[in-house]
């Protein structure tokens, strides 16, 4: 018995040889399990450290110390994403970039403050050491 109009691949045949029973095909070819997806992560799973890195990178604008944590967690997240095949590379990169930007801006601000206070302290016209008005 041949089927004159076969159903498209992945669709059950309209002619069921066993009326009253469900077709055997349920979404996986040959009824098997899906292919092995990796060590720990599934392809649809998002890396948690990538999200943490992005949040810390944004928080770095408020507290610059969190930018260091954003850099560290971002590098760890990228390593895990590469090994496990997880999602979240964009978030990890965002956390890394924001972390580095805030870190560099913080260093520039510290250098500018040291130069400014050094200039004020070395100028005798601005402060003469007396308490007279």
N, C-alpha and C. Protein backbone atom coordinates (compact mmCIF):
# COMPACT_ATOMS: atom_id res chain seq x y z
N UNK A 1 0.84 -1.17 0.00
CA UNK A 1 0.00 0.00 0.00
C UNK A 1 0.88 1.23 0.00
N UNK A 2 0.80 2.03 -1.04
CA UNK A 2 1.59 3.25 -1.13
C UNK A 2 0.67 4.45 -1.01
N UNK A 3 1.21 5.50 -0.45
CA UNK A 3 0.44 6.72 -0.23
C UNK A 3 0.62 7.60 -1.46
N UNK A 4 -0.46 7.93 -2.14
CA UNK A 4 -0.40 8.74 -3.36
C UNK A 4 -0.04 10.20 -3.05
N UNK A 5 -0.51 10.74 -1.94
CA UNK A 5 -0.23 12.11 -1.53
C UNK A 5 0.44 12.08 -0.16
N UNK A 6 1.77 11.89 -0.12
CA UNK A 6 2.41 11.81 1.20
C UNK A 6 2.35 13.16 1.92
N UNK A 7 2.27 13.08 3.23
CA UNK A 7 2.24 14.30 4.06
C UNK A 7 3.63 14.92 4.07
N UNK A 8 3.71 16.24 4.27
CA UNK A 8 5.03 16.88 4.37
C UNK A 8 5.82 16.29 5.53
N UNK A 9 7.16 16.41 5.41
CA UNK A 9 8.03 15.85 6.45
C UNK A 9 7.68 16.44 7.80
N UNK A 10 7.55 15.61 8.81
CA UNK A 10 7.25 16.06 10.16
C UNK A 10 5.77 16.11 10.47
N UNK A 11 4.93 15.90 9.48
CA UNK A 11 3.49 15.92 9.69
C UNK A 11 2.97 14.48 9.65
N UNK A 12 2.04 14.16 10.54
CA UNK A 12 1.50 12.80 10.51
C UNK A 12 0.69 12.58 9.23
N UNK A 13 0.72 11.37 8.77
CA UNK A 13 -0.01 11.02 7.57
C UNK A 13 -1.51 11.12 7.83
N UNK A 14 -2.25 11.52 6.81
CA UNK A 14 -3.70 11.62 6.97
C UNK A 14 -4.35 10.24 7.02
N UNK A 15 -3.65 9.25 6.48
CA UNK A 15 -4.19 7.90 6.51
C UNK A 15 -3.51 7.13 7.64
N UNK A 16 -4.22 6.92 8.71
CA UNK A 16 -3.67 6.19 9.85
C UNK A 16 -3.99 4.71 9.64
N UNK A 17 -2.95 3.87 9.57
CA UNK A 17 -3.22 2.44 9.35
C UNK A 17 -3.92 1.78 10.54
N UNK A 18 -3.86 2.42 11.70
CA UNK A 18 -4.52 1.89 12.89
C UNK A 18 -5.53 2.90 13.40
N UNK A 19 -6.75 2.86 12.93
CA UNK A 19 -7.75 3.85 13.34
C UNK A 19 -7.98 3.81 14.85
N UNK A 20 -8.15 4.98 15.46
CA UNK A 20 -8.39 5.07 16.89
C UNK A 20 -7.13 5.22 17.71
N UNK A 21 -5.95 5.15 17.09
CA UNK A 21 -4.69 5.29 17.81
C UNK A 21 -3.95 6.54 17.32
N UNK A 22 -3.15 7.09 18.20
CA UNK A 22 -2.35 8.26 17.85
C UNK A 22 -1.19 7.83 16.95
N UNK A 23 -0.76 8.68 16.02
CA UNK A 23 0.42 8.33 15.25
C UNK A 23 1.65 8.30 16.14
N UNK A 24 2.65 7.51 15.76
CA UNK A 24 3.83 7.32 16.60
C UNK A 24 4.71 8.57 16.63
N UNK A 25 4.72 9.36 15.58
CA UNK A 25 5.59 10.52 15.51
C UNK A 25 5.06 11.65 16.39
N UNK A 26 5.89 12.12 17.35
CA UNK A 26 5.46 13.16 18.28
C UNK A 26 6.42 14.35 18.30
N UNK A 27 7.18 14.57 17.27
CA UNK A 27 8.04 15.74 17.23
C UNK A 27 9.51 15.42 17.11
N UNK A 28 9.97 14.25 17.51
CA UNK A 28 11.35 13.85 17.39
C UNK A 28 11.45 12.78 16.31
N UNK A 29 12.42 12.87 15.43
CA UNK A 29 12.56 11.82 14.42
C UNK A 29 12.82 10.48 15.08
N UNK A 30 12.16 9.48 14.62
CA UNK A 30 12.28 8.11 15.13
C UNK A 30 11.92 8.01 16.61
N UNK A 31 11.23 8.97 17.16
CA UNK A 31 10.81 8.92 18.55
C UNK A 31 11.95 9.03 19.54
N UNK A 32 13.12 9.49 19.11
CA UNK A 32 14.30 9.54 19.97
C UNK A 32 14.37 10.81 20.79
N UNK A 33 15.41 10.89 21.57
CA UNK A 33 15.67 12.07 22.40
C UNK A 33 16.37 13.12 21.56
N UNK A 34 16.32 14.39 21.98
CA UNK A 34 17.05 15.41 21.24
C UNK A 34 18.56 15.17 21.34
N UNK A 35 19.29 15.74 20.41
CA UNK A 35 20.74 15.55 20.38
C UNK A 35 21.36 16.15 21.64
N UNK A 36 22.54 15.64 22.00
CA UNK A 36 23.27 16.13 23.16
C UNK A 36 23.61 17.60 22.96
N UNK A 37 23.30 18.44 23.95
CA UNK A 37 23.41 19.88 23.77
C UNK A 37 24.64 20.50 24.41
N UNK A 38 25.39 19.81 25.17
CA UNK A 38 26.56 20.41 25.79
C UNK A 38 26.74 19.90 27.21
N UNK A 39 27.70 20.47 27.90
CA UNK A 39 28.06 19.99 29.23
C UNK A 39 26.99 20.32 30.26
N UNK A 40 26.79 21.59 30.53
CA UNK A 40 25.85 21.97 31.57
C UNK A 40 24.69 22.81 31.05
N UNK A 41 24.90 23.56 30.01
CA UNK A 41 23.90 24.52 29.57
C UNK A 41 23.16 24.04 28.33
N UNK A 42 21.91 24.38 28.29
CA UNK A 42 21.11 24.11 27.12
C UNK A 42 21.20 25.33 26.20
N UNK A 43 20.94 25.17 24.91
CA UNK A 43 21.09 26.30 24.01
C UNK A 43 20.20 27.48 24.35
N UNK A 44 19.06 27.27 24.94
CA UNK A 44 18.16 28.36 25.28
C UNK A 44 18.41 28.95 26.65
N UNK A 45 19.38 28.43 27.39
CA UNK A 45 19.63 28.88 28.76
C UNK A 45 20.55 30.08 28.74
N UNK A 46 20.20 31.10 29.51
CA UNK A 46 20.98 32.33 29.59
C UNK A 46 21.93 32.25 30.77
N UNK A 47 23.15 32.71 30.57
CA UNK A 47 24.16 32.68 31.62
C UNK A 47 23.85 33.72 32.68
N UNK A 48 23.82 33.30 33.93
CA UNK A 48 23.47 34.20 35.04
C UNK A 48 24.54 35.24 35.28
N UNK A 49 25.81 34.86 35.17
CA UNK A 49 26.89 35.82 35.40
C UNK A 49 26.90 36.93 34.35
N UNK A 50 26.40 36.65 33.16
CA UNK A 50 26.30 37.69 32.13
C UNK A 50 25.32 38.77 32.58
N UNK A 51 24.19 38.34 33.13
CA UNK A 51 23.21 39.30 33.64
C UNK A 51 23.79 40.09 34.81
N UNK A 52 24.49 39.40 35.71
CA UNK A 52 25.11 40.06 36.86
C UNK A 52 26.14 41.09 36.39
N UNK A 53 26.93 40.74 35.38
CA UNK A 53 27.93 41.65 34.85
C UNK A 53 27.28 42.90 34.27
N UNK A 54 26.19 42.73 33.53
CA UNK A 54 25.52 43.89 32.95
C UNK A 54 24.95 44.80 34.03
N UNK A 55 24.33 44.22 35.05
CA UNK A 55 23.76 45.01 36.14
C UNK A 55 24.86 45.76 36.89
N UNK A 56 25.97 45.07 37.16
CA UNK A 56 27.08 45.73 37.86
C UNK A 56 27.72 46.81 37.00
N UNK A 57 27.75 46.61 35.69
CA UNK A 57 28.28 47.63 34.79
C UNK A 57 27.44 48.90 34.81
N UNK A 58 26.13 48.72 34.86
CA UNK A 58 25.23 49.88 34.94
C UNK A 58 25.36 50.54 36.32
N UNK A 59 25.44 49.72 37.36
CA UNK A 59 25.57 50.26 38.72
C UNK A 59 26.92 50.95 38.92
N UNK A 60 27.87 50.66 38.06
CA UNK A 60 29.18 51.30 38.17
C UNK A 60 29.12 52.80 38.03
N UNK A 61 28.10 53.32 37.35
CA UNK A 61 27.96 54.77 37.23
C UNK A 61 27.58 55.40 38.56
N UNK A 62 26.98 54.62 39.44
CA UNK A 62 26.64 55.12 40.78
C UNK A 62 27.77 54.87 41.77
N UNK A 63 28.29 53.68 41.78
CA UNK A 63 29.42 53.33 42.64
C UNK A 63 30.49 52.72 41.76
N UNK A 64 31.56 53.43 41.58
CA UNK A 64 32.57 52.97 40.61
C UNK A 64 33.25 51.67 41.03
N UNK A 65 33.16 51.29 42.28
CA UNK A 65 33.79 50.05 42.73
C UNK A 65 33.10 48.83 42.10
N UNK A 66 31.82 48.95 41.76
CA UNK A 66 31.12 47.81 41.16
C UNK A 66 31.57 47.57 39.72
N UNK A 67 32.27 48.55 39.12
CA UNK A 67 32.76 48.33 37.76
C UNK A 67 33.84 47.25 37.74
N UNK A 68 34.61 47.14 38.81
CA UNK A 68 35.62 46.08 38.90
C UNK A 68 34.94 44.72 38.94
N UNK A 69 33.87 44.62 39.71
CA UNK A 69 33.12 43.36 39.76
C UNK A 69 32.47 43.06 38.41
N UNK A 70 32.04 44.08 37.69
CA UNK A 70 31.45 43.88 36.37
C UNK A 70 32.48 43.32 35.40
N UNK A 71 33.70 43.80 35.49
CA UNK A 71 34.77 43.31 34.62
C UNK A 71 35.08 41.85 34.93
N UNK A 72 35.18 41.52 36.21
CA UNK A 72 35.52 40.15 36.60
C UNK A 72 34.41 39.18 36.19
N UNK A 73 33.16 39.50 36.54
CA UNK A 73 32.06 38.60 36.20
C UNK A 73 31.84 38.52 34.69
N UNK A 74 32.11 39.61 33.98
CA UNK A 74 31.97 39.59 32.52
C UNK A 74 32.94 38.62 31.87
N UNK A 75 34.19 38.62 32.32
CA UNK A 75 35.17 37.70 31.76
C UNK A 75 34.82 36.25 32.11
N UNK A 76 34.38 36.01 33.32
CA UNK A 76 33.99 34.64 33.71
C UNK A 76 32.78 34.19 32.89
N UNK A 77 31.81 35.10 32.70
CA UNK A 77 30.61 34.75 31.93
C UNK A 77 30.97 34.42 30.48
N UNK A 78 31.85 35.19 29.86
CA UNK A 78 32.23 34.90 28.48
C UNK A 78 32.90 33.54 28.37
N UNK A 79 33.71 33.20 29.35
CA UNK A 79 34.36 31.89 29.35
C UNK A 79 33.33 30.77 29.47
N UNK A 80 32.37 30.93 30.38
CA UNK A 80 31.34 29.91 30.56
C UNK A 80 30.46 29.79 29.33
N UNK A 81 30.12 30.91 28.71
CA UNK A 81 29.27 30.89 27.51
C UNK A 81 29.97 30.14 26.38
N UNK A 82 31.27 30.37 26.26
CA UNK A 82 32.03 29.69 25.21
C UNK A 82 32.11 28.19 25.45
N UNK A 83 32.28 27.78 26.71
CA UNK A 83 32.40 26.35 27.03
C UNK A 83 31.07 25.63 26.97
N UNK A 84 30.03 26.26 27.49
CA UNK A 84 28.73 25.59 27.64
C UNK A 84 27.76 25.82 26.50
N UNK A 85 28.02 26.79 25.65
CA UNK A 85 27.11 27.08 24.55
C UNK A 85 25.85 27.79 25.00
N UNK A 86 25.93 28.56 26.08
CA UNK A 86 24.75 29.26 26.60
C UNK A 86 24.56 30.58 25.86
N UNK A 87 23.45 31.22 26.13
CA UNK A 87 23.18 32.55 25.59
C UNK A 87 23.61 33.60 26.61
N UNK A 88 23.69 34.86 26.18
CA UNK A 88 24.01 35.95 27.09
C UNK A 88 25.32 36.64 26.76
N UNK A 89 25.87 36.35 25.59
CA UNK A 89 27.13 36.97 25.21
C UNK A 89 26.99 38.49 25.13
N UNK A 90 25.89 38.99 24.62
CA UNK A 90 25.68 40.43 24.52
C UNK A 90 25.63 41.10 25.89
N UNK A 91 24.98 40.45 26.84
CA UNK A 91 24.91 41.02 28.18
C UNK A 91 26.29 41.02 28.84
N UNK A 92 27.06 39.96 28.63
CA UNK A 92 28.40 39.90 29.20
C UNK A 92 29.29 40.98 28.60
N UNK A 93 29.19 41.17 27.29
CA UNK A 93 29.98 42.22 26.64
C UNK A 93 29.56 43.61 27.10
N UNK A 94 28.25 43.80 27.29
CA UNK A 94 27.77 45.09 27.80
C UNK A 94 28.33 45.36 29.19
N UNK A 95 28.32 44.38 30.05
CA UNK A 95 28.88 44.53 31.39
C UNK A 95 30.37 44.82 31.35
N UNK A 96 31.09 44.13 30.47
CA UNK A 96 32.53 44.36 30.34
C UNK A 96 32.82 45.77 29.84
N UNK A 97 32.13 46.18 28.79
CA UNK A 97 32.39 47.51 28.21
C UNK A 97 32.05 48.61 29.21
N UNK A 98 30.88 48.51 29.84
CA UNK A 98 30.52 49.51 30.85
C UNK A 98 31.49 49.50 32.02
N UNK A 99 31.91 48.31 32.44
CA UNK A 99 32.86 48.21 33.54
C UNK A 99 34.18 48.88 33.22
N UNK A 100 34.72 48.61 32.01
CA UNK A 100 35.98 49.23 31.62
C UNK A 100 35.83 50.74 31.46
N UNK A 101 34.73 51.20 30.87
CA UNK A 101 34.52 52.65 30.68
C UNK A 101 34.47 53.35 32.03
N UNK A 102 33.69 52.82 32.96
CA UNK A 102 33.57 53.45 34.28
C UNK A 102 34.90 53.39 35.02
N UNK A 103 35.63 52.29 34.88
CA UNK A 103 36.93 52.15 35.55
C UNK A 103 37.92 53.20 35.03
N UNK A 104 37.98 53.38 33.72
CA UNK A 104 38.88 54.38 33.13
C UNK A 104 38.45 55.79 33.52
N UNK A 105 37.16 56.06 33.49
CA UNK A 105 36.68 57.39 33.90
C UNK A 105 36.98 57.66 35.37
N UNK A 106 36.91 56.64 36.20
CA UNK A 106 37.23 56.81 37.63
C UNK A 106 38.72 57.12 37.82
N UNK A 107 39.56 56.45 37.07
CA UNK A 107 41.00 56.73 37.16
C UNK A 107 41.29 58.16 36.69
N UNK A 108 40.65 58.59 35.60
CA UNK A 108 40.84 59.96 35.11
C UNK A 108 40.35 60.97 36.15
N UNK A 109 39.23 60.68 36.81
CA UNK A 109 38.71 61.59 37.84
C UNK A 109 39.64 61.69 39.03
N UNK A 110 40.22 60.57 39.44
CA UNK A 110 41.17 60.59 40.57
C UNK A 110 42.42 61.40 40.20
N UNK A 111 42.93 61.19 38.99
CA UNK A 111 44.11 61.96 38.55
C UNK A 111 43.79 63.45 38.48
N UNK A 112 42.61 63.79 37.95
CA UNK A 112 42.21 65.21 37.87
C UNK A 112 42.07 65.81 39.26
N UNK A 113 41.53 65.06 40.21
CA UNK A 113 41.38 65.58 41.58
C UNK A 113 42.74 65.80 42.23
N UNK A 114 43.67 64.88 42.02
CA UNK A 114 45.01 65.04 42.59
C UNK A 114 45.70 66.27 41.99
N UNK A 115 45.59 66.45 40.69
CA UNK A 115 46.20 67.61 40.04
C UNK A 115 45.55 68.90 40.53
N UNK A 116 44.24 68.91 40.63
CA UNK A 116 43.53 70.11 41.08
C UNK A 116 43.90 70.48 42.51
N UNK A 117 43.87 69.51 43.42
CA UNK A 117 44.22 69.80 44.81
C UNK A 117 45.71 70.13 44.96
N UNK A 118 46.54 69.52 44.13
CA UNK A 118 47.96 69.87 44.14
C UNK A 118 48.20 71.30 43.69
N UNK A 119 47.44 71.71 42.67
CA UNK A 119 47.58 73.08 42.19
C UNK A 119 47.08 74.07 43.23
N UNK A 120 46.00 73.74 43.90
CA UNK A 120 45.47 74.64 44.94
C UNK A 120 46.45 74.72 46.10
N UNK A 121 47.00 73.59 46.51
CA UNK A 121 47.91 73.57 47.66
C UNK A 121 49.23 74.27 47.36
N UNK A 122 49.68 74.26 46.13
CA UNK A 122 50.97 74.87 45.80
C UNK A 122 50.87 76.36 45.46
N UNK A 123 49.67 76.89 45.40
CA UNK A 123 49.49 78.31 45.08
C UNK A 123 49.41 79.11 46.37
N UNK A 124 50.45 79.92 46.67
CA UNK A 124 50.44 80.67 47.92
C UNK A 124 49.44 81.82 47.93
N UNK A 125 48.98 82.23 46.80
CA UNK A 125 48.01 83.33 46.75
C UNK A 125 46.62 82.89 47.24
N UNK A 126 46.30 81.63 47.09
CA UNK A 126 45.00 81.14 47.48
C UNK A 126 44.91 80.87 48.99
N UNK A 127 46.03 80.53 49.58
CA UNK A 127 46.01 80.23 51.01
C UNK A 127 47.32 80.71 51.60
N UNK A 128 47.20 81.63 52.54
CA UNK A 128 48.42 82.18 53.14
C UNK A 128 48.71 81.62 54.51
N UNK A 129 47.89 80.74 55.00
CA UNK A 129 48.16 80.11 56.28
C UNK A 129 47.66 80.87 57.48
N UNK A 130 47.13 82.05 57.30
CA UNK A 130 46.62 82.83 58.44
C UNK A 130 45.11 82.70 58.52
N UNK A 131 44.60 83.00 59.70
CA UNK A 131 43.16 82.92 59.91
C UNK A 131 42.51 84.29 59.83
N UNK A 132 43.23 85.31 59.40
CA UNK A 132 42.67 86.65 59.27
C UNK A 132 41.79 86.75 58.05
N UNK A 133 40.76 87.56 58.17
CA UNK A 133 39.85 87.73 57.05
C UNK A 133 40.39 88.74 56.07
